[in-house]
Amino acid sequence: AGKMSGLWSKTPASLKLDDLDIICAVLGCGVGDLLVPDPR
């Protein structure tokens, strides 16, 4: 619950690529939908 709360409310400092694959599969999205560059 604690890690989920962090993923839900903050930008994670790190994230396993396997976990990112599962998140994308659940949401039916690509990595570019979840991670957007912020050049600022």
PDB file of all heavy atoms in Angstrom:
ATOM      1  N   ALA A   1       0.832  -1.207   0.000  1.00  0.00           N
ATOM      2  CA  ALA A   1       0.000   0.000   0.000  1.00  0.00           C
ATOM      3  C   ALA A   1       0.863   1.251   0.000  1.00  0.00           C
ATOM      4  O   ALA A   1       0.559   2.232  -0.687  1.00  0.00           O
ATOM      5  CB  ALA A   1      -0.944  -0.012   1.207  1.00  0.00           C
ATOM      6  N   GLY A   2       1.959   1.228   0.744  1.00  0.00           N
ATOM      7  CA  GLY A   2       2.844   2.387   0.804  1.00  0.00           C
ATOM      8  C   GLY A   2       3.501   2.681  -0.536  1.00  0.00           C
ATOM      9  O   GLY A   2       3.561   3.839  -0.967  1.00  0.00           O
ATOM     10  N   LYS A   3       4.003   1.633  -1.201  1.00  0.00           N
ATOM     11  CA  LYS A   3       4.636   1.841  -2.504  1.00  0.00           C
ATOM     12  C   LYS A   3       3.600   2.283  -3.538  1.00  0.00           C
ATOM     13  O   LYS A   3       3.872   3.152  -4.367  1.00  0.00           O
ATOM     14  CB  LYS A   3       5.337   0.572  -2.976  1.00  0.00           C
ATOM     15  CG  LYS A   3       6.082   0.765  -4.282  1.00  0.00           C
ATOM     16  CD  LYS A   3       6.893  -0.439  -4.682  1.00  0.00           C
ATOM     17  CE  LYS A   3       7.564  -0.195  -6.024  1.00  0.00           C
ATOM     18  NZ  LYS A   3       8.324  -1.357  -6.474  1.00  0.00           N
ATOM     19  N   MET A   4       2.397   1.722  -3.475  1.00  0.00           N
ATOM     20  CA  MET A   4       1.347   2.119  -4.416  1.00  0.00           C
ATOM     21  C   MET A   4       0.975   3.578  -4.206  1.00  0.00           C
ATOM     22  O   MET A   4       0.773   4.323  -5.170  1.00  0.00           O
ATOM     23  CB  MET A   4       0.115   1.226  -4.250  1.00  0.00           C
ATOM     24  CG  MET A   4      -0.938   1.432  -5.310  1.00  0.00           C
ATOM     25  SD  MET A   4      -0.353   0.928  -6.937  1.00  0.00           S
ATOM     26  CE  MET A   4      -0.755   2.364  -7.887  1.00  0.00           C
ATOM     27  N   SER A   5       0.912   3.995  -2.961  1.00  0.00           N
ATOM     28  CA  SER A   5       0.605   5.394  -2.667  1.00  0.00           C
ATOM     29  C   SER A   5       1.668   6.307  -3.263  1.00  0.00           C
ATOM     30  O   SER A   5       1.350   7.349  -3.844  1.00  0.00           O
ATOM     31  CB  SER A   5       0.528   5.595  -1.149  1.00  0.00           C
ATOM     32  OG  SER A   5       0.328   6.949  -0.845  1.00  0.00           O
ATOM     33  N   GLY A   6       2.936   5.908  -3.154  1.00  0.00           N
ATOM     34  CA  GLY A   6       4.012   6.685  -3.731  1.00  0.00           C
ATOM     35  C   GLY A   6       3.937   6.758  -5.242  1.00  0.00           C
ATOM     36  O   GLY A   6       4.129   7.819  -5.841  1.00  0.00           O
ATOM     37  N   LEU A   7       3.651   5.624  -5.889  1.00  0.00           N
ATOM     38  CA  LEU A   7       3.515   5.615  -7.349  1.00  0.00           C
ATOM     39  C   LEU A   7       2.341   6.477  -7.796  1.00  0.00           C
ATOM     40  O   LEU A   7       2.384   7.119  -8.842  1.00  0.00           O
ATOM     41  CB  LEU A   7       3.292   4.186  -7.863  1.00  0.00           C
ATOM     42  CG  LEU A   7       4.486   3.257  -7.915  1.00  0.00           C
ATOM     43  CD1 LEU A   7       4.039   1.860  -8.325  1.00  0.00           C
ATOM     44  CD2 LEU A   7       5.539   3.778  -8.869  1.00  0.00           C
ATOM     45  N   TRP A   8       1.293   6.469  -7.008  1.00  0.00           N
ATOM     46  CA  TRP A   8       0.061   7.174  -7.355  1.00  0.00           C
ATOM     47  C   TRP A   8       0.195   8.686  -7.186  1.00  0.00           C
ATOM     48  O   TRP A   8      -0.343   9.449  -7.976  1.00  0.00           O
ATOM     49  CB  TRP A   8      -1.078   6.647  -6.481  1.00  0.00           C
ATOM     50  CG  TRP A   8      -2.447   6.990  -6.936  1.00  0.00           C
ATOM     51  CD1 TRP A   8      -3.297   7.889  -6.357  1.00  0.00           C
ATOM     52  CD2 TRP A   8      -3.143   6.456  -8.057  1.00  0.00           C
ATOM     53  NE1 TRP A   8      -4.476   7.927  -7.039  1.00  0.00           N
ATOM     54  CE2 TRP A   8      -4.415   7.050  -8.096  1.00  0.00           C
ATOM     55  CE3 TRP A   8      -2.836   5.521  -9.038  1.00  0.00           C
ATOM     56  CZ2 TRP A   8      -5.371   6.759  -9.069  1.00  0.00           C
ATOM     57  CZ3 TRP A   8      -3.771   5.214 -10.007  1.00  0.00           C
ATOM     58  CH2 TRP A   8      -5.012   5.834 -10.008  1.00  0.00           C
ATOM     59  N   SER A   9       0.941   9.104  -6.161  1.00  0.00           N
ATOM     60  CA  SER A   9       0.941  10.530  -5.828  1.00  0.00           C
ATOM     61  C   SER A   9       2.244  11.267  -6.132  1.00  0.00           C
ATOM     62  O   SER A   9       2.262  12.489  -6.092  1.00  0.00           O
ATOM     63  CB  SER A   9       0.598  10.713  -4.352  1.00  0.00           C
ATOM     64  OG  SER A   9       1.552  10.059  -3.538  1.00  0.00           O
ATOM     65  N   LYS A  10       3.327  10.545  -6.432  1.00  0.00           N
ATOM     66  CA  LYS A  10       4.609  11.193  -6.682  1.00  0.00           C
ATOM     67  C   LYS A  10       5.293  10.565  -7.889  1.00  0.00           C
ATOM     68  O   LYS A  10       4.942   9.458  -8.304  1.00  0.00           O
ATOM     69  CB  LYS A  10       5.549  11.024  -5.484  1.00  0.00           C
ATOM     70  CG  LYS A  10       5.056  11.577  -4.189  1.00  0.00           C
ATOM     71  CD  LYS A  10       6.085  11.385  -3.110  1.00  0.00           C
ATOM     72  CE  LYS A  10       5.817  10.087  -2.386  1.00  0.00           C
ATOM     73  NZ  LYS A  10       6.599   9.906  -1.184  1.00  0.00           N
ATOM     74  N   THR A  11       6.290  11.246  -8.401  1.00  0.00           N
ATOM     75  CA  THR A  11       7.134  10.669  -9.445  1.00  0.00           C
ATOM     76  C   THR A  11       8.124   9.732  -8.775  1.00  0.00           C
ATOM     77  O   THR A  11       8.853  10.148  -7.871  1.00  0.00           O
ATOM     78  CB  THR A  11       7.900  11.776 -10.199  1.00  0.00           C
ATOM     79  OG1 THR A  11       6.953  12.644 -10.813  1.00  0.00           O
ATOM     80  CG2 THR A  11       8.814  11.195 -11.256  1.00  0.00           C
ATOM     81  N   PRO A  12       8.145   8.463  -9.179  1.00  0.00           N
ATOM     82  CA  PRO A  12       9.075   7.534  -8.539  1.00  0.00           C
ATOM     83  C   PRO A  12      10.527   7.877  -8.877  1.00  0.00           C
ATOM     84  O   PRO A  12      10.831   8.277 -10.002  1.00  0.00           O
ATOM     85  CB  PRO A  12       8.679   6.171  -9.117  1.00  0.00           C
ATOM     86  CG  PRO A  12       7.962   6.471 -10.380  1.00  0.00           C
ATOM     87  CD  PRO A  12       7.350   7.831 -10.222  1.00  0.00           C
ATOM     88  N   ALA A  13      11.414   7.711  -7.911  1.00  0.00           N
ATOM     89  CA  ALA A  13      12.842   7.943  -8.139  1.00  0.00           C
ATOM     90  C   ALA A  13      13.421   6.838  -9.006  1.00  0.00           C
ATOM     91  O   ALA A  13      14.345   7.053  -9.789  1.00  0.00           O
ATOM     92  CB  ALA A  13      13.585   8.011  -6.810  1.00  0.00           C
ATOM     93  N   SER A  14      12.857   5.649  -8.879  1.00  0.00           N
ATOM     94  CA  SER A  14      13.276   4.513  -9.706  1.00  0.00           C
ATOM     95  C   SER A  14      12.083   3.586  -9.886  1.00  0.00           C
ATOM     96  O   SER A  14      11.151   3.584  -9.083  1.00  0.00           O
ATOM     97  CB  SER A  14      14.441   3.770  -9.059  1.00  0.00           C
ATOM     98  OG  SER A  14      14.035   3.178  -7.849  1.00  0.00           O
ATOM     99  N   LEU A  15      12.156   2.802 -10.946  1.00  0.00           N
ATOM    100  CA  LEU A  15      11.070   1.884 -11.262  1.00  0.00           C
ATOM    101  C   LEU A  15      11.652   0.756 -12.101  1.00  0.00           C
ATOM    102  O   LEU A  15      12.363   1.021 -13.076  1.00  0.00           O
ATOM    103  CB  LEU A  15       9.970   2.618 -12.040  1.00  0.00           C
ATOM    104  CG  LEU A  15       8.672   1.907 -12.319  1.00  0.00           C
ATOM    105  CD1 LEU A  15       7.957   1.531 -11.032  1.00  0.00           C
ATOM    106  CD2 LEU A  15       7.757   2.802 -13.148  1.00  0.00           C
ATOM    107  N   LYS A  16      11.385  -0.471 -11.721  1.00  0.00           N
ATOM    108  CA  LYS A  16      11.880  -1.612 -12.490  1.00  0.00           C
ATOM    109  C   LYS A  16      11.179  -1.637 -13.847  1.00  0.00           C
ATOM    110  O   LYS A  16       9.967  -1.384 -13.938  1.00  0.00           O
ATOM    111  CB  LYS A  16      11.603  -2.912 -11.754  1.00  0.00           C
ATOM    112  CG  LYS A  16      12.397  -3.083 -10.489  1.00  0.00           C
ATOM    113  CD  LYS A  16      12.057  -4.408  -9.839  1.00  0.00           C
ATOM    114  CE  LYS A  16      12.783  -4.573  -8.531  1.00  0.00           C
ATOM    115  NZ  LYS A  16      12.395  -5.825  -7.869  1.00  0.00           N
ATOM    116  N   LEU A  17      11.941  -1.950 -14.882  1.00  0.00           N
ATOM    117  CA  LEU A  17      11.360  -2.001 -16.226  1.00  0.00           C
ATOM    118  C   LEU A  17      10.285  -3.074 -16.328  1.00  0.00           C
ATOM    119  O   LEU A  17       9.280  -2.880 -17.022  1.00  0.00           O
ATOM    120  CB  LEU A  17      12.453  -2.222 -17.265  1.00  0.00           C
ATOM    121  CG  LEU A  17      13.454  -1.080 -17.405  1.00  0.00           C
ATOM    122  CD1 LEU A  17      14.522  -1.436 -18.436  1.00  0.00           C
ATOM    123  CD2 LEU A  17      12.762   0.221 -17.780  1.00  0.00           C
ATOM    124  N   ASP A  18      10.460  -4.190 -15.629  1.00  0.00           N
ATOM    125  CA  ASP A  18       9.424  -5.229 -15.633  1.00  0.00           C
ATOM    126  C   ASP A  18       8.128  -4.710 -15.026  1.00  0.00           C
ATOM    127  O   ASP A  18       7.036  -5.014 -15.505  1.00  0.00           O
ATOM    128  CB  ASP A  18       9.894  -6.471 -14.871  1.00  0.00           C
ATOM    129  CG  ASP A  18      10.999  -7.230 -15.594  1.00  0.00           C
ATOM    130  OD1 ASP A  18      11.185  -7.022 -16.816  1.00  0.00           O
ATOM    131  OD2 ASP A  18      11.679  -8.048 -14.936  1.00  0.00           O
ATOM    132  N   ASP A  19       8.252  -3.911 -13.958  1.00  0.00           N
ATOM    133  CA  ASP A  19       7.063  -3.323 -13.329  1.00  0.00           C
ATOM    134  C   ASP A  19       6.398  -2.331 -14.287  1.00  0.00           C
ATOM    135  O   ASP A  19       5.171  -2.288 -14.390  1.00  0.00           O
ATOM    136  CB  ASP A  19       7.427  -2.619 -12.024  1.00  0.00           C
ATOM    137  CG  ASP A  19       7.914  -3.578 -10.942  1.00  0.00           C
ATOM    138  OD1 ASP A  19       7.864  -4.808 -11.152  1.00  0.00           O
ATOM    139  OD2 ASP A  19       8.364  -3.078  -9.888  1.00  0.00           O
ATOM    140  N   LEU A  20       7.213  -1.558 -14.982  1.00  0.00           N
ATOM    141  CA  LEU A  20       6.688  -0.597 -15.948  1.00  0.00           C
ATOM    142  C   LEU A  20       5.938  -1.313 -17.069  1.00  0.00           C
ATOM    143  O   LEU A  20       4.885  -0.859 -17.512  1.00  0.00           O
ATOM    144  CB  LEU A  20       7.823   0.264 -16.501  1.00  0.00           C
ATOM    145  CG  LEU A  20       7.444   1.443 -17.376  1.00  0.00           C
ATOM    146  CD1 LEU A  20       6.482   2.384 -16.668  1.00  0.00           C
ATOM    147  CD2 LEU A  20       8.695   2.187 -17.809  1.00  0.00           C
ATOM    148  N   ASP A  21       6.457  -2.454 -17.503  1.00  0.00           N
ATOM    149  CA  ASP A  21       5.761  -3.263 -18.518  1.00  0.00           C
ATOM    150  C   ASP A  21       4.373  -3.662 -18.037  1.00  0.00           C
ATOM    151  O   ASP A  21       3.397  -3.580 -18.798  1.00  0.00           O
ATOM    152  CB  ASP A  21       6.555  -4.537 -18.837  1.00  0.00           C
ATOM    153  CG  ASP A  21       7.640  -4.336 -19.862  1.00  0.00           C
ATOM    154  OD1 ASP A  21       7.544  -3.389 -20.670  1.00  0.00           O
ATOM    155  OD2 ASP A  21       8.587  -5.142 -19.870  1.00  0.00           O
ATOM    156  N   ILE A  22       4.279  -4.086 -16.789  1.00  0.00           N
ATOM    157  CA  ILE A  22       2.985  -4.522 -16.251  1.00  0.00           C
ATOM    158  C   ILE A  22       2.037  -3.339 -16.101  1.00  0.00           C
ATOM    159  O   ILE A  22       0.848  -3.433 -16.443  1.00  0.00           O
ATOM    160  CB  ILE A  22       3.175  -5.270 -14.912  1.00  0.00           C
ATOM    161  CG1 ILE A  22       3.943  -6.571 -15.165  1.00  0.00           C
ATOM    162  CG2 ILE A  22       1.829  -5.548 -14.250  1.00  0.00           C
ATOM    163  CD1 ILE A  22       4.375  -7.303 -13.915  1.00  0.00           C
ATOM    164  N   ILE A  23       2.543  -2.210 -15.634  1.00  0.00           N
ATOM    165  CA  ILE A  23       1.707  -1.011 -15.512  1.00  0.00           C
ATOM    166  C   ILE A  23       1.141  -0.631 -16.877  1.00  0.00           C
ATOM    167  O   ILE A  23      -0.054  -0.358 -17.023  1.00  0.00           O
ATOM    168  CB  ILE A  23       2.501   0.151 -14.884  1.00  0.00           C
ATOM    169  CG1 ILE A  23       2.839  -0.161 -13.426  1.00  0.00           C
ATOM    170  CG2 ILE A  23       1.728   1.461 -14.987  1.00  0.00           C
ATOM    171  CD1 ILE A  23       3.846   0.778 -12.790  1.00  0.00           C
ATOM    172  N   CYS A  24       1.996  -0.648 -17.900  1.00  0.00           N
ATOM    173  CA  CYS A  24       1.546  -0.316 -19.253  1.00  0.00           C
ATOM    174  C   CYS A  24       0.515  -1.327 -19.757  1.00  0.00           C
ATOM    175  O   CYS A  24      -0.468  -0.944 -20.408  1.00  0.00           O
ATOM    176  CB  CYS A  24       2.736  -0.241 -20.210  1.00  0.00           C
ATOM    177  SG  CYS A  24       3.786   1.205 -19.965  1.00  0.00           S
ATOM    178  N   ALA A  25       0.723  -2.600 -19.458  1.00  0.00           N
ATOM    179  CA  ALA A  25      -0.226  -3.629 -19.890  1.00  0.00           C
ATOM    180  C   ALA A  25      -1.583  -3.432 -19.224  1.00  0.00           C
ATOM    181  O   ALA A  25      -2.630  -3.525 -19.877  1.00  0.00           O
ATOM    182  CB  ALA A  25       0.330  -5.018 -19.575  1.00  0.00           C
ATOM    183  N   VAL A  26      -1.581  -3.134 -17.935  1.00  0.00           N
ATOM    184  CA  VAL A  26      -2.837  -2.917 -17.201  1.00  0.00           C
ATOM    185  C   VAL A  26      -3.581  -1.712 -17.766  1.00  0.00           C
ATOM    186  O   VAL A  26      -4.798  -1.736 -17.935  1.00  0.00           O
ATOM    187  CB  VAL A  26      -2.563  -2.749 -15.688  1.00  0.00           C
ATOM    188  CG1 VAL A  26      -3.763  -2.174 -14.965  1.00  0.00           C
ATOM    189  CG2 VAL A  26      -2.148  -4.079 -15.080  1.00  0.00           C
ATOM    190  N   LEU A  27      -2.835  -0.659 -18.080  1.00  0.00           N
ATOM    191  CA  LEU A  27      -3.468   0.569 -18.564  1.00  0.00           C
ATOM    192  C   LEU A  27      -3.665   0.589 -20.078  1.00  0.00           C
ATOM    193  O   LEU A  27      -4.332   1.488 -20.594  1.00  0.00           O
ATOM    194  CB  LEU A  27      -2.631   1.783 -18.138  1.00  0.00           C
ATOM    195  CG  LEU A  27      -2.561   2.020 -16.635  1.00  0.00           C
ATOM    196  CD1 LEU A  27      -1.602   3.153 -16.323  1.00  0.00           C
ATOM    197  CD2 LEU A  27      -3.942   2.306 -16.068  1.00  0.00           C
ATOM    198  N   GLY A  28      -3.088  -0.371 -20.777  1.00  0.00           N
ATOM    199  CA  GLY A  28      -3.211  -0.376 -22.239  1.00  0.00           C
ATOM    200  C   GLY A  28      -2.566   0.861 -22.847  1.00  0.00           C
ATOM    201  O   GLY A  28      -3.150   1.506 -23.715  1.00  0.00           O
ATOM    202  N   CYS A  29      -1.374   1.194 -22.356  1.00  0.00           N
ATOM    203  CA  CYS A  29      -0.702   2.398 -22.817  1.00  0.00           C
ATOM    204  C   CYS A  29       0.763   2.103 -23.101  1.00  0.00           C
ATOM    205  O   CYS A  29       1.241   0.994 -22.858  1.00  0.00           O
ATOM    206  CB  CYS A  29      -0.821   3.512 -21.781  1.00  0.00           C
ATOM    207  SG  CYS A  29       0.141   3.231 -20.272  1.00  0.00           S
ATOM    208  N   GLY A  30       1.460   3.096 -23.594  1.00  0.00           N
ATOM    209  CA  GLY A  30       2.890   2.992 -23.805  1.00  0.00           C
ATOM    210  C   GLY A  30       3.644   3.769 -22.756  1.00  0.00           C
ATOM    211  O   GLY A  30       3.070   4.591 -22.025  1.00  0.00           O
ATOM    212  N   VAL A  31       4.939   3.533 -22.676  1.00  0.00           N
ATOM    213  CA  VAL A  31       5.786   4.231 -21.707  1.00  0.00           C
ATOM    214  C   VAL A  31       5.682   5.742 -21.896  1.00  0.00           C
ATOM    215  O   VAL A  31       5.661   6.496 -20.932  1.00  0.00           O
ATOM    216  CB  VAL A  31       7.250   3.753 -21.839  1.00  0.00           C
ATOM    217  CG1 VAL A  31       8.175   4.563 -20.963  1.00  0.00           C
ATOM    218  CG2 VAL A  31       7.357   2.278 -21.515  1.00  0.00           C
ATOM    219  N   GLY A  32       5.579   6.194 -23.146  1.00  0.00           N
ATOM    220  CA  GLY A  32       5.489   7.622 -23.433  1.00  0.00           C
ATOM    221  C   GLY A  32       4.233   8.280 -22.898  1.00  0.00           C
ATOM    222  O   GLY A  32       4.178   9.509 -22.761  1.00  0.00           O
ATOM    223  N   ASP A  33       3.216   7.485 -22.590  1.00  0.00           N
ATOM    224  CA  ASP A  33       2.013   8.037 -21.964  1.00  0.00           C
ATOM    225  C   ASP A  33       2.249   8.306 -20.478  1.00  0.00           C
ATOM    226  O   ASP A  33       1.687   9.241 -19.912  1.00  0.00           O
ATOM    227  CB  ASP A  33       0.833   7.071 -22.118  1.00  0.00           C
ATOM    228  CG  ASP A  33       0.464   6.837 -23.564  1.00  0.00           C
ATOM    229  OD1 ASP A  33       0.370   7.827 -24.313  1.00  0.00           O
ATOM    230  OD2 ASP A  33       0.285   5.660 -23.951  1.00  0.00           O
ATOM    231  N   LEU A  34       3.066   7.462 -19.857  1.00  0.00           N
ATOM    232  CA  LEU A  34       3.322   7.576 -18.423  1.00  0.00           C
ATOM    233  C   LEU A  34       4.479   8.517 -18.098  1.00  0.00           C
ATOM    234  O   LEU A  34       4.443   9.221 -17.097  1.00  0.00           O
ATOM    235  CB  LEU A  34       3.640   6.196 -17.832  1.00  0.00           C
ATOM    236  CG  LEU A  34       2.489   5.195 -17.823  1.00  0.00           C
ATOM    237  CD1 LEU A  34       2.996   3.835 -17.396  1.00  0.00           C
ATOM    238  CD2 LEU A  34       1.371   5.666 -16.910  1.00  0.00           C
ATOM    239  N   LEU A  35       5.497   8.506 -18.936  1.00  0.00           N
ATOM    240  CA  LEU A  35       6.689   9.327 -18.709  1.00  0.00           C
ATOM    241  C   LEU A  35       6.797  10.364 -19.810  1.00  0.00           C
ATOM    242  O   LEU A  35       7.006  10.030 -20.968  1.00  0.00           O
ATOM    243  CB  LEU A  35       7.948   8.457 -18.706  1.00  0.00           C
ATOM    244  CG  LEU A  35       8.076   7.490 -17.545  1.00  0.00           C
ATOM    245  CD1 LEU A  35       9.204   6.504 -17.801  1.00  0.00           C
ATOM    246  CD2 LEU A  35       8.313   8.241 -16.247  1.00  0.00           C
ATOM    247  N   VAL A  36       6.651  11.618 -19.433  1.00  0.00           N
ATOM    248  CA  VAL A  36       6.694  12.711 -20.392  1.00  0.00           C
ATOM    249  C   VAL A  36       7.901  13.588 -20.070  1.00  0.00           C
ATOM    250  O   VAL A  36       8.043  14.044 -18.935  1.00  0.00           O
ATOM    251  CB  VAL A  36       5.396  13.547 -20.343  1.00  0.00           C
ATOM    252  CG1 VAL A  36       5.458  14.699 -21.313  1.00  0.00           C
ATOM    253  CG2 VAL A  36       4.195  12.653 -20.622  1.00  0.00           C
ATOM    254  N   PRO A  37       8.792  13.815 -21.044  1.00  0.00           N
ATOM    255  CA  PRO A  37       9.961  14.658 -20.773  1.00  0.00           C
ATOM    256  C   PRO A  37       9.557  16.054 -20.318  1.00  0.00           C
ATOM    257  O   PRO A  37       8.580  16.618 -20.793  1.00  0.00           O
ATOM    258  CB  PRO A  37      10.677  14.725 -22.125  1.00  0.00           C
ATOM    259  CG  PRO A  37      10.175  13.559 -22.901  1.00  0.00           C
ATOM    260  CD  PRO A  37       8.772  13.322 -22.424  1.00  0.00           C
ATOM    261  N   ASP A  38      10.318  16.586 -19.385  1.00  0.00           N
ATOM    262  CA  ASP A  38      10.115  17.940 -18.897  1.00  0.00           C
ATOM    263  C   ASP A  38      11.442  18.680 -19.021  1.00  0.00           C
ATOM    264  O   ASP A  38      12.255  18.674 -18.093  1.00  0.00           O
ATOM    265  CB  ASP A  38       9.636  17.930 -17.445  1.00  0.00           C
ATOM    266  CG  ASP A  38       9.272  19.307 -16.927  1.00  0.00           C
ATOM    267  OD1 ASP A  38       9.445  20.298 -17.670  1.00  0.00           O
ATOM    268  OD2 ASP A  38       8.810  19.392 -15.774  1.00  0.00           O
ATOM    269  N   PRO A  39      11.693  19.299 -20.191  1.00  0.00           N
ATOM    270  CA  PRO A  39      12.986  19.939 -20.432  1.00  0.00           C
ATOM    271  C   PRO A  39      13.320  21.039 -19.428  1.00  0.00           C
ATOM    272  O   PRO A  39      14.480  21.357 -19.227  1.00  0.00           O
ATOM    273  CB  PRO A  39      12.860  20.533 -21.833  1.00  0.00           C
ATOM    274  CG  PRO A  39      11.577  20.072 -22.388  1.00  0.00           C
ATOM    275  CD  PRO A  39      10.788  19.418 -21.299  1.00  0.00           C
ATOM    276  N   ARG A  40      12.329  21.596 -18.763  1.00  0.00           N
ATOM    277  CA  ARG A  40      12.584  22.645 -17.766  1.00  0.00           C
ATOM    278  C   ARG A  40      13.374  22.122 -16.581  1.00  0.00           C
ATOM    279  O   ARG A  40      13.988  22.881 -15.864  1.00  0.00           O
ATOM    280  CB  ARG A  40      11.271  23.247 -17.285  1.00  0.00           C
ATOM    281  CG  ARG A  40      10.488  23.957 -18.381  1.00  0.00           C
ATOM    282  CD  ARG A  40       9.129  24.344 -17.921  1.00  0.00           C
ATOM    283  NE  ARG A  40       8.415  23.118 -17.525  1.00  0.00           N
ATOM    284  CZ  ARG A  40       7.334  23.097 -16.775  1.00  0.00           C
ATOM    285  NH1 ARG A  40       6.820  24.197 -16.317  1.00  0.00           N
ATOM    286  NH2 ARG A  40       6.738  21.961 -16.479  1.00  0.00           N
TER     287      ARG A  40
END
